[in-house]
Each structure stands twice: as structure tokens, then as C-alpha cells.
PDB file of all heavy atoms in Angstrom:
ATOM      1  N   ALA A   1      15.461  15.577  -8.017  1.00  0.00           N
ATOM      2  CA  ALA A   1      16.585  15.405  -8.927  1.00  0.00           C
ATOM      3  C   ALA A   1      17.744  14.715  -8.222  1.00  0.00           C
ATOM      4  O   ALA A   1      18.128  15.099  -7.111  1.00  0.00           O
ATOM      5  CB  ALA A   1      17.035  16.766  -9.459  1.00  0.00           C
ATOM      6  N   ALA A   2      18.299  13.708  -8.889  1.00  0.00           N
ATOM      7  CA  ALA A   2      19.481  13.018  -8.365  1.00  0.00           C
ATOM      8  C   ALA A   2      20.722  13.752  -8.842  1.00  0.00           C
ATOM      9  O   ALA A   2      20.903  13.956 -10.043  1.00  0.00           O
ATOM     10  CB  ALA A   2      19.504  11.573  -8.837  1.00  0.00           C
ATOM     11  N   SER A   3      21.561  14.146  -7.916  1.00  0.00           N
ATOM     12  CA  SER A   3      22.788  14.837  -8.284  1.00  0.00           C
ATOM     13  C   SER A   3      23.992  14.087  -7.734  1.00  0.00           C
ATOM     14  O   SER A   3      23.869  13.291  -6.811  1.00  0.00           O
ATOM     15  CB  SER A   3      22.780  16.270  -7.725  1.00  0.00           C
ATOM     16  OG  SER A   3      22.784  16.250  -6.313  1.00  0.00           O
ATOM     17  N   GLY A   4      25.145  14.332  -8.333  1.00  0.00           N
ATOM     18  CA  GLY A   4      26.379  13.715  -7.842  1.00  0.00           C
ATOM     19  C   GLY A   4      26.635  12.333  -8.379  1.00  0.00           C
ATOM     20  O   GLY A   4      27.547  11.641  -7.904  1.00  0.00           O
ATOM     21  N   SER A   5      25.851  11.882  -9.361  1.00  0.00           N
ATOM     22  CA  SER A   5      26.074  10.553  -9.925  1.00  0.00           C
ATOM     23  C   SER A   5      25.740  10.562 -11.401  1.00  0.00           C
ATOM     24  O   SER A   5      24.772  11.183 -11.815  1.00  0.00           O
ATOM     25  CB  SER A   5      25.215   9.515  -9.209  1.00  0.00           C
ATOM     26  OG  SER A   5      25.350   8.244  -9.837  1.00  0.00           O
ATOM     27  N   ILE A   6      26.536   9.829 -12.172  1.00  0.00           N
ATOM     28  CA  ILE A   6      26.230   9.701 -13.587  1.00  0.00           C
ATOM     29  C   ILE A   6      25.369   8.473 -13.842  1.00  0.00           C
ATOM     30  O   ILE A   6      24.942   8.230 -14.962  1.00  0.00           O
ATOM     31  CB  ILE A   6      27.525   9.586 -14.429  1.00  0.00           C
ATOM     32  CG1 ILE A   6      28.319   8.323 -14.026  1.00  0.00           C
ATOM     33  CG2 ILE A   6      28.381  10.843 -14.273  1.00  0.00           C
ATOM     34  CD1 ILE A   6      29.492   8.027 -14.918  1.00  0.00           C
ATOM     35  N   PHE A   7      25.107   7.715 -12.782  1.00  0.00           N
ATOM     36  CA  PHE A   7      24.345   6.481 -12.924  1.00  0.00           C
ATOM     37  C   PHE A   7      22.856   6.739 -12.695  1.00  0.00           C
ATOM     38  O   PHE A   7      22.464   7.618 -11.959  1.00  0.00           O
ATOM     39  CB  PHE A   7      24.862   5.427 -11.944  1.00  0.00           C
ATOM     40  CG  PHE A   7      26.283   5.047 -12.200  1.00  0.00           C
ATOM     41  CD1 PHE A   7      27.304   5.577 -11.412  1.00  0.00           C
ATOM     42  CD2 PHE A   7      26.619   4.196 -13.234  1.00  0.00           C
ATOM     43  CE1 PHE A   7      28.623   5.255 -11.652  1.00  0.00           C
ATOM     44  CE2 PHE A   7      27.934   3.859 -13.478  1.00  0.00           C
ATOM     45  CZ  PHE A   7      28.942   4.401 -12.692  1.00  0.00           C
ATOM     46  N   ARG A   8      22.041   5.914 -13.332  1.00  0.00           N
ATOM     47  CA  ARG A   8      20.614   6.137 -13.334  1.00  0.00           C
ATOM     48  C   ARG A   8      19.973   5.798 -11.996  1.00  0.00           C
ATOM     49  O   ARG A   8      20.296   4.794 -11.373  1.00  0.00           O
ATOM     50  CB  ARG A   8      19.953   5.322 -14.439  1.00  0.00           C
ATOM     51  CG  ARG A   8      18.519   5.718 -14.721  1.00  0.00           C
ATOM     52  CD  ARG A   8      17.968   4.947 -15.905  1.00  0.00           C
ATOM     53  NE  ARG A   8      17.668   3.565 -15.561  1.00  0.00           N
ATOM     54  CZ  ARG A   8      17.123   2.710 -16.417  1.00  0.00           C
ATOM     55  NH1 ARG A   8      16.868   3.078 -17.646  1.00  0.00           N
ATOM     56  NH2 ARG A   8      16.875   1.477 -16.038  1.00  0.00           N
ATOM     57  N   LEU A   9      19.038   6.651 -11.611  1.00  0.00           N
ATOM     58  CA  LEU A   9      18.205   6.405 -10.443  1.00  0.00           C
ATOM     59  C   LEU A   9      17.166   5.357 -10.818  1.00  0.00           C
ATOM     60  O   LEU A   9      16.452   5.516 -11.813  1.00  0.00           O
ATOM     61  CB  LEU A   9      17.526   7.710 -10.029  1.00  0.00           C
ATOM     62  CG  LEU A   9      16.606   7.657  -8.817  1.00  0.00           C
ATOM     63  CD1 LEU A   9      17.415   7.471  -7.548  1.00  0.00           C
ATOM     64  CD2 LEU A   9      15.779   8.919  -8.737  1.00  0.00           C
ATOM     65  N   THR A  10      17.087   4.281 -10.046  1.00  0.00           N
ATOM     66  CA  THR A  10      16.127   3.222 -10.350  1.00  0.00           C
ATOM     67  C   THR A  10      15.117   3.082  -9.207  1.00  0.00           C
ATOM     68  O   THR A  10      15.329   3.577  -8.097  1.00  0.00           O
ATOM     69  CB  THR A  10      16.841   1.876 -10.557  1.00  0.00           C
ATOM     70  OG1 THR A  10      17.553   1.527  -9.360  1.00  0.00           O
ATOM     71  CG2 THR A  10      17.817   1.954 -11.725  1.00  0.00           C
ATOM     72  N   ALA A  11      14.021   2.374  -9.530  1.00  0.00           N
ATOM     73  CA  ALA A  11      12.945   2.121  -8.568  1.00  0.00           C
ATOM     74  C   ALA A  11      12.548   3.394  -7.816  1.00  0.00           C
ATOM     75  O   ALA A  11      12.492   3.404  -6.574  1.00  0.00           O
ATOM     76  CB  ALA A  11      13.356   1.035  -7.575  1.00  0.00           C
ATOM     77  N   PRO A  12      12.278   4.487  -8.521  1.00  0.00           N
ATOM     78  CA  PRO A  12      11.923   5.729  -7.827  1.00  0.00           C
ATOM     79  C   PRO A  12      10.570   5.623  -7.146  1.00  0.00           C
ATOM     80  O   PRO A  12       9.675   4.917  -7.608  1.00  0.00           O
ATOM     81  CB  PRO A  12      11.888   6.765  -8.953  1.00  0.00           C
ATOM     82  CG  PRO A  12      11.530   5.974 -10.162  1.00  0.00           C
ATOM     83  CD  PRO A  12      12.207   4.652  -9.997  1.00  0.00           C
ATOM     84  N   GLY A  13      10.442   6.333  -6.037  1.00  0.00           N
ATOM     85  CA  GLY A  13       9.182   6.324  -5.314  1.00  0.00           C
ATOM     86  C   GLY A  13       9.006   7.589  -4.511  1.00  0.00           C
ATOM     87  O   GLY A  13       9.972   8.296  -4.208  1.00  0.00           O
ATOM     88  N   TRP A  14       7.765   7.866  -4.186  1.00  0.00           N
ATOM     89  CA  TRP A  14       7.406   8.982  -3.310  1.00  0.00           C
ATOM     90  C   TRP A  14       6.717   8.428  -2.069  1.00  0.00           C
ATOM     91  O   TRP A  14       5.822   7.582  -2.180  1.00  0.00           O
ATOM     92  CB  TRP A  14       6.474   9.956  -4.026  1.00  0.00           C
ATOM     93  CG  TRP A  14       7.145  10.766  -5.089  1.00  0.00           C
ATOM     94  CD1 TRP A  14       7.195  10.490  -6.423  1.00  0.00           C
ATOM     95  CD2 TRP A  14       7.868  11.984  -4.910  1.00  0.00           C
ATOM     96  NE1 TRP A  14       7.904  11.461  -7.082  1.00  0.00           N
ATOM     97  CE2 TRP A  14       8.330  12.395  -6.176  1.00  0.00           C
ATOM     98  CE3 TRP A  14       8.168  12.774  -3.798  1.00  0.00           C
ATOM     99  CZ2 TRP A  14       9.074  13.560  -6.370  1.00  0.00           C
ATOM    100  CZ3 TRP A  14       8.909  13.931  -3.985  1.00  0.00           C
ATOM    101  CH2 TRP A  14       9.351  14.316  -5.258  1.00  0.00           C
ATOM    102  N   TYR A  15       7.116   8.951  -0.931  1.00  0.00           N
ATOM    103  CA  TYR A  15       6.534   8.577   0.348  1.00  0.00           C
ATOM    104  C   TYR A  15       6.052   9.852   1.034  1.00  0.00           C
ATOM    105  O   TYR A  15       6.474  10.949   0.669  1.00  0.00           O
ATOM    106  CB  TYR A  15       7.576   7.891   1.239  1.00  0.00           C
ATOM    107  CG  TYR A  15       7.998   6.522   0.760  1.00  0.00           C
ATOM    108  CD1 TYR A  15       8.816   6.365  -0.355  1.00  0.00           C
ATOM    109  CD2 TYR A  15       7.604   5.367   1.434  1.00  0.00           C
ATOM    110  CE1 TYR A  15       9.203   5.111  -0.798  1.00  0.00           C
ATOM    111  CE2 TYR A  15       7.994   4.108   1.013  1.00  0.00           C
ATOM    112  CZ  TYR A  15       8.792   3.990  -0.105  1.00  0.00           C
ATOM    113  OH  TYR A  15       9.188   2.744  -0.523  1.00  0.00           O
ATOM    114  N   ARG A  16       5.234   9.671   2.052  1.00  0.00           N
ATOM    115  CA  ARG A  16       4.835  10.827   2.849  1.00  0.00           C
ATOM    116  C   ARG A  16       4.666  10.418   4.308  1.00  0.00           C
ATOM    117  O   ARG A  16       4.417   9.260   4.612  1.00  0.00           O
ATOM    118  CB  ARG A  16       3.544  11.456   2.323  1.00  0.00           C
ATOM    119  CG  ARG A  16       2.300  10.602   2.490  1.00  0.00           C
ATOM    120  CD  ARG A  16       1.115  11.272   1.807  1.00  0.00           C
ATOM    121  NE  ARG A  16      -0.109  10.473   1.940  1.00  0.00           N
ATOM    122  CZ  ARG A  16      -1.245  10.763   1.310  1.00  0.00           C
ATOM    123  NH1 ARG A  16      -1.320  11.830   0.505  1.00  0.00           N
ATOM    124  NH2 ARG A  16      -2.306  10.006   1.493  1.00  0.00           N
ATOM    125  N   GLN A  17       4.822  11.429   5.157  1.00  0.00           N
ATOM    126  CA  GLN A  17       4.660  11.190   6.589  1.00  0.00           C
ATOM    127  C   GLN A  17       3.913  12.364   7.193  1.00  0.00           C
ATOM    128  O   GLN A  17       4.400  13.507   7.163  1.00  0.00           O
ATOM    129  CB  GLN A  17       6.011  11.009   7.277  1.00  0.00           C
ATOM    130  CG  GLN A  17       5.907  10.593   8.723  1.00  0.00           C
ATOM    131  CD  GLN A  17       7.209  10.088   9.287  1.00  0.00           C
ATOM    132  OE1 GLN A  17       8.292  10.330   8.741  1.00  0.00           O
ATOM    133  NE2 GLN A  17       7.148   9.350  10.379  1.00  0.00           N
ATOM    134  N   ALA A  18       2.738  12.069   7.720  1.00  0.00           N
ATOM    135  CA  ALA A  18       1.929  13.081   8.398  1.00  0.00           C
ATOM    136  C   ALA A  18       2.263  13.060   9.886  1.00  0.00           C
ATOM    137  O   ALA A  18       2.756  12.043  10.404  1.00  0.00           O
ATOM    138  CB  ALA A  18       0.453  12.801   8.180  1.00  0.00           C
ATOM    139  N   PRO A  19       1.988  14.145  10.598  1.00  0.00           N
ATOM    140  CA  PRO A  19       2.289  14.192  12.031  1.00  0.00           C
ATOM    141  C   PRO A  19       1.620  13.043  12.780  1.00  0.00           C
ATOM    142  O   PRO A  19       0.434  12.784  12.605  1.00  0.00           O
ATOM    143  CB  PRO A  19       1.719  15.546  12.461  1.00  0.00           C
ATOM    144  CG  PRO A  19       1.756  16.377  11.232  1.00  0.00           C
ATOM    145  CD  PRO A  19       1.471  15.429  10.106  1.00  0.00           C
ATOM    146  N   GLY A  20       2.400  12.341  13.581  1.00  0.00           N
ATOM    147  CA  GLY A  20       1.873  11.249  14.378  1.00  0.00           C
ATOM    148  C   GLY A  20       1.617   9.964  13.619  1.00  0.00           C
ATOM    149  O   GLY A  20       1.081   9.007  14.192  1.00  0.00           O
ATOM    150  N   LYS A  21       1.991   9.942  12.338  1.00  0.00           N
ATOM    151  CA  LYS A  21       1.759   8.740  11.532  1.00  0.00           C
ATOM    152  C   LYS A  21       3.074   8.203  10.988  1.00  0.00           C
ATOM    153  O   LYS A  21       4.080   8.914  10.924  1.00  0.00           O
ATOM    154  CB  LYS A  21       0.800   9.054  10.384  1.00  0.00           C
ATOM    155  CG  LYS A  21      -0.605   9.406  10.840  1.00  0.00           C
ATOM    156  CD  LYS A  21      -1.543   9.525   9.647  1.00  0.00           C
ATOM    157  CE  LYS A  21      -2.963   9.806  10.092  1.00  0.00           C
ATOM    158  NZ  LYS A  21      -3.898   9.896   8.946  1.00  0.00           N
ATOM    159  N   GLU A  22       3.037   6.953  10.561  1.00  0.00           N
ATOM    160  CA  GLU A  22       4.218   6.350   9.964  1.00  0.00           C
ATOM    161  C   GLU A  22       4.370   6.796   8.502  1.00  0.00           C
ATOM    162  O   GLU A  22       3.391   7.174   7.857  1.00  0.00           O
ATOM    163  CB  GLU A  22       4.109   4.822  10.032  1.00  0.00           C
ATOM    164  CG  GLU A  22       4.156   4.276  11.441  1.00  0.00           C
ATOM    165  CD  GLU A  22       4.237   2.755  11.470  1.00  0.00           C
ATOM    166  OE1 GLU A  22       4.140   2.125  10.410  1.00  0.00           O
ATOM    167  OE2 GLU A  22       4.404   2.206  12.577  1.00  0.00           O
ATOM    168  N   ARG A  23       5.597   6.721   8.022  1.00  0.00           N
ATOM    169  CA  ARG A  23       5.851   7.039   6.621  1.00  0.00           C
ATOM    170  C   ARG A  23       5.177   5.980   5.757  1.00  0.00           C
ATOM    171  O   ARG A  23       5.267   4.783   6.037  1.00  0.00           O
ATOM    172  CB  ARG A  23       7.351   7.083   6.352  1.00  0.00           C
ATOM    173  CG  ARG A  23       7.729   7.651   5.008  1.00  0.00           C
ATOM    174  CD  ARG A  23       9.234   7.831   4.886  1.00  0.00           C
ATOM    175  NE  ARG A  23       9.761   8.786   5.859  1.00  0.00           N
ATOM    176  CZ  ARG A  23      11.011   9.226   5.838  1.00  0.00           C
ATOM    177  NH1 ARG A  23      11.859   8.813   4.904  1.00  0.00           N
ATOM    178  NH2 ARG A  23      11.408  10.082   6.759  1.00  0.00           N
ATOM    179  N   GLU A  24       4.519   6.416   4.678  1.00  0.00           N
ATOM    180  CA  GLU A  24       3.810   5.492   3.805  1.00  0.00           C
ATOM    181  C   GLU A  24       4.178   5.745   2.347  1.00  0.00           C
ATOM    182  O   GLU A  24       4.490   6.876   1.946  1.00  0.00           O
ATOM    183  CB  GLU A  24       2.287   5.644   3.970  1.00  0.00           C
ATOM    184  CG  GLU A  24       1.745   6.999   3.577  1.00  0.00           C
ATOM    185  CD  GLU A  24       0.228   7.066   3.611  1.00  0.00           C
ATOM    186  OE1 GLU A  24      -0.435   6.036   3.815  1.00  0.00           O
ATOM    187  OE2 GLU A  24      -0.301   8.183   3.409  1.00  0.00           O
ATOM    188  N   LEU A  25       4.119   4.674   1.570  1.00  0.00           N
ATOM    189  CA  LEU A  25       4.355   4.786   0.135  1.00  0.00           C
ATOM    190  C   LEU A  25       3.162   5.457  -0.518  1.00  0.00           C
ATOM    191  O   LEU A  25       2.017   5.053  -0.310  1.00  0.00           O
ATOM    192  CB  LEU A  25       4.580   3.405  -0.483  1.00  0.00           C
ATOM    193  CG  LEU A  25       4.731   3.373  -2.007  1.00  0.00           C
ATOM    194  CD1 LEU A  25       6.021   4.066  -2.431  1.00  0.00           C
ATOM    195  CD2 LEU A  25       4.696   1.937  -2.504  1.00  0.00           C
ATOM    196  N   VAL A  26       3.431   6.474  -1.320  1.00  0.00           N
ATOM    197  CA  VAL A  26       2.380   7.169  -2.068  1.00  0.00           C
ATOM    198  C   VAL A  26       2.327   6.651  -3.500  1.00  0.00           C
ATOM    199  O   VAL A  26       1.265   6.331  -4.017  1.00  0.00           O
ATOM    200  CB  VAL A  26       2.638   8.688  -2.070  1.00  0.00           C
ATOM    201  CG1 VAL A  26       1.613   9.408  -2.941  1.00  0.00           C
ATOM    202  CG2 VAL A  26       2.614   9.238  -0.655  1.00  0.00           C
ATOM    203  N   ALA A  27       3.477   6.571  -4.152  1.00  0.00           N
ATOM    204  CA  ALA A  27       3.532   6.146  -5.546  1.00  0.00           C
ATOM    205  C   ALA A  27       4.931   5.639  -5.839  1.00  0.00           C
ATOM    206  O   ALA A  27       5.912   6.118  -5.263  1.00  0.00           O
ATOM    207  CB  ALA A  27       3.188   7.300  -6.479  1.00  0.00           C
ATOM    208  N   GLY A  28       5.027   4.687  -6.762  1.00  0.00           N
ATOM    209  CA  GLY A  28       6.331   4.147  -7.103  1.00  0.00           C
ATOM    210  C   GLY A  28       6.374   3.590  -8.505  1.00  0.00           C
ATOM    211  O   GLY A  28       5.344   3.300  -9.112  1.00  0.00           O
ATOM    212  N   ILE A  29       7.602   3.496  -9.017  1.00  0.00           N
ATOM    213  CA  ILE A  29       7.854   2.849 -10.306  1.00  0.00           C
ATOM    214  C   ILE A  29       8.796   1.690 -10.000  1.00  0.00           C
ATOM    215  O   ILE A  29      10.013   1.864  -9.907  1.00  0.00           O
ATOM    216  CB  ILE A  29       8.492   3.820 -11.313  1.00  0.00           C
ATOM    217  CG1 ILE A  29       7.592   5.036 -11.521  1.00  0.00           C
ATOM    218  CG2 ILE A  29       8.745   3.119 -12.643  1.00  0.00           C
ATOM    219  CD1 ILE A  29       8.179   6.102 -12.439  1.00  0.00           C
ATOM    220  N   PRO A  30       8.263   0.486  -9.852  1.00  0.00           N
ATOM    221  CA  PRO A  30       9.104  -0.673  -9.510  1.00  0.00           C
ATOM    222  C   PRO A  30      10.131  -0.954 -10.602  1.00  0.00           C
ATOM    223  O   PRO A  30       9.940  -0.585 -11.766  1.00  0.00           O
ATOM    224  CB  PRO A  30       8.099  -1.817  -9.392  1.00  0.00           C
ATOM    225  CG  PRO A  30       6.769  -1.157  -9.191  1.00  0.00           C
ATOM    226  CD  PRO A  30       6.838   0.135  -9.923  1.00  0.00           C
TER     227      PRO A  30
END
């Protein structure tokens, strides 16, 4: 949830980072 703003969150995405690995894109809405 985006808080502290009345403006819309755009281009939302989920990333993940496993131990010893780089952060990677899991899913997104361009």
C-alpha cells in the first residue's frame, strides 16, 4: 500500500532477492 500521497502509484512491480543472488523482477504492470 502506498501511503502519504494522494497521487496514483504507477508502473507497480514486485521484485525478489534470494541470499547470494541479485534482485530480480518477478512481475510488473508497465
